[in-house]
Amino acid sequence: MNTPMNRRQALSALGTISLGGLLAACGGDDGAGTTVRTSDGATATVDPRSAPASTTATLLDDAASCRVTAQQTAGPYYFDADKIRRDIREDRDGTRLRLAIRVRDAGSCDPLADAVVDIWHADAQGSYSGFDGDEGGGRPRGGGGAQTGTRYLRGAQITDADGIAEFVTIYPGWYPGRTVHIHAKVHLDAKTVLTTQLYFDDDVSDEVFGAKAYAGRGDRGARNASDGIFDQALVTTSEKKTGGYVAAMNIDVRQA
């Protein structure tokens, strides 16, 4: 029987089988799922994993630093979306963003294959899936925490042999009190190794927010310099392309 591969299954597989053997190294951004055989003889359906575009690889080289990436708060809007997928947009409007994250060992600078990279961020109007879309990034519905019925702009990918995981998403919107950001977790050996946030140059955000999907909210209050936890070292290397932007970041972890 075919079943979808989720993040928990991916994490439980680490250390016992190679996820590189499970995931198809083929396809483009939006390819169909591929049926593969798991270690217990069952089958699972996973999204295809393609080689990074040359532009993305260049941006990752430009972003190279090789030092332990700063830990940052997960914030109040995290929940386990349990989705292994490349395209996390679902029905959200916004400027297309191709995001590449390369995971490396901070000591050797070697890429780390088969790491699980988990990301989540706000939509163009500043709301997170699973939370009300009021001002402030969304408040837990009824004060009872996340409602996991919606999972837009949340998902996970497994790094390839070059340590790279890529996502297709939209450029994140803003909400009061925070500059523009994307949350990320890197998991190794079935445990969370590092939680951080990725940022964008203010000039890039200003240009993106002129698009229709981001309109009608007035001027954003917080910019990078006024955000209390912003870290310049976590600004992505980005470039405008036809149809949207590409952005890249190296996340360097110290293995236990």
Protein backbone atom coordinates (compact mmCIF):
# COMPACT_ATOMS: atom_id res chain seq x y z
CA MET A 1 0.00 0.00 0.00
CA ASN A 2 1.34 3.44 -0.93
CA THR A 3 1.55 5.97 1.88
CA PRO A 4 2.93 9.52 1.91
CA MET A 5 6.35 10.08 3.46
CA ASN A 6 6.12 12.63 6.27
CA ARG A 7 8.75 14.38 8.37
CA ARG A 8 8.49 11.99 11.31
CA GLN A 9 9.10 9.02 9.03
CA ALA A 10 12.04 10.82 7.45
CA LEU A 11 13.57 11.54 10.84
CA SER A 12 13.02 8.00 12.09
CA ALA A 13 14.79 6.70 8.99
CA LEU A 14 17.95 8.69 9.72
CA GLY A 15 20.70 6.47 11.06
CA THR A 16 19.03 3.25 9.84
CA ILE A 17 18.72 3.79 6.10
CA SER A 18 19.92 6.41 3.65
CA LEU A 19 17.22 8.91 2.75
CA GLY A 20 19.21 9.54 -0.38
CA GLY A 21 18.22 6.04 -1.39
CA LEU A 22 14.55 6.82 -0.76
CA LEU A 23 14.26 10.12 -2.57
CA ALA A 24 14.27 10.37 -6.34
CA ALA A 25 17.09 12.56 -7.63
CA CYS A 26 15.07 13.83 -10.54
CA GLY A 27 12.43 16.26 -11.69
CA GLY A 28 11.87 20.00 -11.48
CA ASP A 29 10.19 22.36 -9.07
CA ASP A 30 6.70 20.94 -9.32
CA GLY A 31 7.15 17.29 -10.35
CA ALA A 32 4.79 14.57 -9.24
CA GLY A 33 5.54 12.35 -6.27
CA THR A 34 7.67 9.24 -6.77
CA THR A 35 6.86 5.84 -5.26
CA VAL A 36 9.83 4.30 -3.46
CA ARG A 37 10.42 1.24 -1.26
CA THR A 38 11.12 1.68 2.44
CA SER A 39 13.33 -0.48 4.66
CA ASP A 40 10.41 -2.60 5.89
CA GLY A 41 9.29 -3.53 2.37
CA ALA A 42 6.39 -1.07 2.20
CA THR A 43 6.20 1.81 -0.26
CA ALA A 44 6.02 5.55 0.26
CA THR A 45 5.37 8.52 -2.01
CA VAL A 46 7.84 11.39 -1.82
CA ASP A 47 8.30 14.59 -3.77
CA PRO A 48 11.17 14.50 -6.27
CA ARG A 49 14.46 16.14 -5.33
CA SER A 50 16.29 17.86 -8.17
CA ALA A 51 19.80 19.17 -8.54
CA PRO A 52 20.08 22.88 -7.69
CA ALA A 53 20.10 25.36 -10.54
CA SER A 54 23.46 26.85 -11.48
CA THR A 55 22.28 30.26 -10.26
CA THR A 56 21.44 28.80 -6.85
CA ALA A 57 24.81 27.08 -6.58
CA THR A 58 26.56 30.35 -7.38
CA LEU A 59 24.58 32.19 -4.71
CA LEU A 60 25.48 29.55 -2.15
CA ASP A 61 29.16 29.99 -2.97
CA ASP A 62 28.76 33.75 -2.62
CA ALA A 63 27.12 33.21 0.79
CA ALA A 64 29.88 30.92 2.07
CA SER A 65 31.22 31.62 5.54
CA CYS A 66 31.61 28.25 7.32
CA ARG A 67 31.05 29.10 10.96
CA VAL A 68 28.37 27.86 13.35
CA THR A 69 25.08 29.50 12.37
CA ALA A 70 23.48 31.56 15.11
CA GLN A 71 20.63 29.95 17.02
CA GLN A 72 17.43 32.01 17.04
CA THR A 73 14.00 31.55 18.57
CA ALA A 74 11.41 29.37 16.84
CA GLY A 75 8.78 31.92 17.80
CA PRO A 76 5.14 31.19 18.71
CA TYR A 77 3.98 30.00 15.27
CA TYR A 78 5.76 26.68 14.87
CA PHE A 79 4.05 23.34 14.62
CA ASP A 80 5.12 20.12 12.93
CA ALA A 81 3.51 20.37 9.49
CA ASP A 82 4.63 16.80 8.70
CA LYS A 83 5.10 17.60 5.01
CA ILE A 84 8.10 16.46 2.98
CA ARG A 85 7.71 18.64 -0.09
CA ARG A 86 9.53 21.15 -2.27
CA ASP A 87 6.64 23.46 -3.21
CA ILE A 88 5.02 24.85 -0.05
CA ARG A 89 2.91 27.63 -1.62
CA GLU A 90 -0.48 25.90 -1.77
CA ASP A 91 -3.03 28.69 -2.43
CA ARG A 92 -0.94 31.64 -1.25
CA ASP A 93 -0.46 34.61 -3.58
CA GLY A 94 2.87 36.39 -3.63
CA THR A 95 6.15 36.88 -5.44
CA ARG A 96 7.74 33.53 -6.23
CA LEU A 97 10.83 32.70 -4.19
CA ARG A 98 13.18 29.79 -4.82
CA LEU A 99 15.04 29.22 -1.57
CA ALA A 100 18.18 27.08 -1.32
CA ILE A 101 19.66 26.08 2.03
CA ARG A 102 23.00 24.26 2.20
CA VAL A 103 23.76 22.41 5.43
CA ARG A 104 27.43 21.95 6.30
CA ASP A 105 29.53 20.72 9.18
CA ALA A 106 30.89 23.83 10.86
CA GLY A 107 34.19 22.21 11.66
CA SER A 108 35.15 20.72 8.31
CA CYS A 109 32.89 22.80 6.00
CA ASP A 110 31.84 19.51 4.39
CA PRO A 111 28.23 19.35 3.12
CA LEU A 112 25.87 17.18 5.14
CA ALA A 113 23.63 14.91 3.10
CA ASP A 114 20.30 13.55 4.39
CA ALA A 115 19.68 16.35 6.88
CA VAL A 116 16.03 17.37 7.24
CA VAL A 117 15.46 21.11 6.74
CA ASP A 118 12.13 22.37 8.08
CA ILE A 119 10.92 25.91 7.18
CA TRP A 120 7.85 28.04 7.89
CA HIS A 121 6.95 31.69 7.37
CA ALA A 122 4.16 34.25 7.05
CA ASP A 123 2.15 34.83 3.87
CA ALA A 124 2.01 38.10 1.92
CA GLN A 125 -0.43 39.59 4.43
CA GLY A 126 1.61 38.57 7.48
CA SER A 127 -0.39 35.50 8.57
CA TYR A 128 0.87 32.03 9.44
CA SER A 129 -1.02 28.86 8.53
CA GLY A 130 -2.80 27.41 11.53
CA PHE A 131 -3.35 30.84 13.11
CA ASP A 132 -5.80 33.67 12.70
CA GLY A 133 -4.76 36.29 10.17
CA ASP A 134 -5.14 39.35 12.38
CA GLU A 135 -2.43 41.95 12.90
CA GLY A 136 0.67 40.63 14.59
CA GLY A 137 1.32 37.55 12.51
CA GLY A 138 -1.81 35.78 13.69
CA ARG A 139 -2.99 34.88 17.17
CA PRO A 140 -3.72 31.30 18.27
CA ARG A 141 -7.38 30.60 17.57
CA GLY A 142 -9.41 30.81 20.76
CA GLY A 143 -6.21 31.14 22.77
CA GLY A 144 -5.70 27.40 22.46
CA GLY A 145 -2.59 27.26 20.30
CA ALA A 146 -2.08 26.28 16.71
CA GLN A 147 -4.90 24.86 14.63
CA THR A 148 -3.18 22.48 12.24
CA GLY A 149 -5.88 22.27 9.59
CA THR A 150 -3.89 24.53 7.26
CA ARG A 151 -0.24 24.01 6.37
CA TYR A 152 0.55 26.58 3.69
CA LEU A 153 4.11 27.94 3.68
CA ARG A 154 5.34 25.08 5.87
CA GLY A 155 7.31 22.03 4.80
CA ALA A 156 10.53 20.07 4.91
CA GLN A 157 13.11 18.77 2.46
CA ILE A 158 16.07 16.41 2.76
CA THR A 159 19.50 17.65 1.71
CA ASP A 160 21.16 16.04 -1.30
CA ALA A 161 24.76 14.84 -1.64
CA ASP A 162 25.89 18.48 -1.78
CA GLY A 163 24.05 19.29 1.45
CA ILE A 164 21.42 21.35 -0.41
CA ALA A 165 17.66 21.47 0.14
CA GLU A 166 15.53 23.68 -2.11
CA PHE A 167 12.04 25.07 -1.66
CA VAL A 168 9.59 26.86 -3.92
CA THR A 169 7.62 29.38 -1.88
CA ILE A 170 6.61 33.04 -1.90
CA TYR A 171 8.52 35.99 -0.53
CA PRO A 172 7.36 36.32 3.10
CA GLY A 173 5.21 39.24 4.21
CA TRP A 174 5.68 41.37 7.30
CA TYR A 175 3.76 41.78 10.53
CA PRO A 176 4.08 44.37 13.33
CA GLY A 177 7.17 44.12 15.49
CA ARG A 178 9.24 41.91 13.18
CA THR A 179 11.31 42.43 10.08
CA VAL A 180 10.88 40.07 7.12
CA HIS A 181 12.09 36.56 7.94
CA ILE A 182 11.81 32.81 7.38
CA HIS A 183 12.12 30.31 10.22
CA ALA A 184 14.24 27.18 9.76
CA LYS A 185 15.12 24.06 11.72
CA VAL A 186 17.87 21.62 10.78
CA HIS A 187 17.47 18.05 12.07
CA LEU A 188 20.24 15.46 12.22
CA ASP A 189 20.05 11.93 13.61
CA ALA A 190 16.38 12.27 14.56
CA LYS A 191 16.89 15.37 16.69
CA THR A 192 16.79 19.12 16.16
CA VAL A 193 20.35 20.38 15.86
CA LEU A 194 19.76 24.03 15.10
CA THR A 195 16.86 26.50 14.98
CA THR A 196 17.39 29.83 13.27
CA GLN A 197 15.85 32.53 11.10
CA LEU A 198 16.74 33.81 7.62
CA TYR A 199 16.49 37.49 6.65
CA PHE A 200 16.45 39.65 3.52
CA ASP A 201 17.98 42.94 2.49
CA ASP A 202 15.54 45.79 3.19
CA ASP A 203 15.90 47.15 -0.35
CA VAL A 204 14.79 43.80 -1.77
CA SER A 205 11.79 43.68 0.56
CA ASP A 206 10.80 47.24 -0.37
CA GLU A 207 10.77 46.27 -4.03
CA VAL A 208 8.80 43.08 -3.46
CA PHE A 209 6.18 44.78 -1.32
CA GLY A 210 5.14 46.94 -4.26
CA ALA A 211 3.40 43.87 -5.75
CA LYS A 212 -0.36 43.52 -5.53
CA ALA A 213 -0.36 40.56 -3.12
CA TYR A 214 1.41 42.66 -0.48
CA ALA A 215 -0.58 45.88 -0.97
CA GLY A 216 -3.11 47.53 1.30
CA ARG A 217 -1.25 47.22 4.59
CA GLY A 218 0.56 50.55 4.73
CA ASP A 219 4.23 50.97 5.50
CA ARG A 220 5.85 48.20 7.49
CA GLY A 221 6.96 49.37 10.90
CA ALA A 222 9.97 47.13 11.53
CA ARG A 223 13.04 47.00 9.34
CA ASN A 224 16.21 45.01 9.87
CA ALA A 225 17.94 47.63 12.01
CA SER A 226 14.96 48.00 14.36
CA ASP A 227 14.26 44.29 14.84
CA GLY A 228 15.42 43.14 18.27
CA ILE A 229 16.79 39.76 17.16
CA PHE A 230 17.92 40.53 13.61
CA ASP A 231 21.42 39.24 12.78
CA GLN A 232 23.23 40.57 9.72
CA ALA A 233 25.04 37.24 9.36
CA LEU A 234 21.69 35.58 8.65
CA VAL A 235 20.78 37.74 5.64
CA THR A 236 20.27 35.57 2.57
CA THR A 237 22.15 36.15 -0.65
CA SER A 238 19.39 36.92 -3.14
CA GLU A 239 18.95 37.80 -6.77
CA LYS A 240 15.99 38.92 -8.87
CA LYS A 241 15.05 36.56 -11.68
CA THR A 242 12.27 36.40 -14.25
CA GLY A 243 9.12 35.56 -12.34
CA GLY A 244 10.51 36.20 -8.88
CA TYR A 245 13.65 35.84 -6.76
CA VAL A 246 16.16 33.22 -5.75
CA ALA A 247 17.77 33.31 -2.31
CA ALA A 248 20.44 31.17 -0.68
CA MET A 249 21.87 30.59 2.77
CA ASN A 250 24.45 28.26 4.28
CA ILE A 251 23.52 26.78 7.65
CA ASP A 252 26.58 25.42 9.42
CA VAL A 253 26.05 23.07 12.35
CA ARG A 254 28.35 21.42 14.85
CA GLN A 255 27.60 17.72 14.97
CA ALA A 256 27.28 16.03 18.35
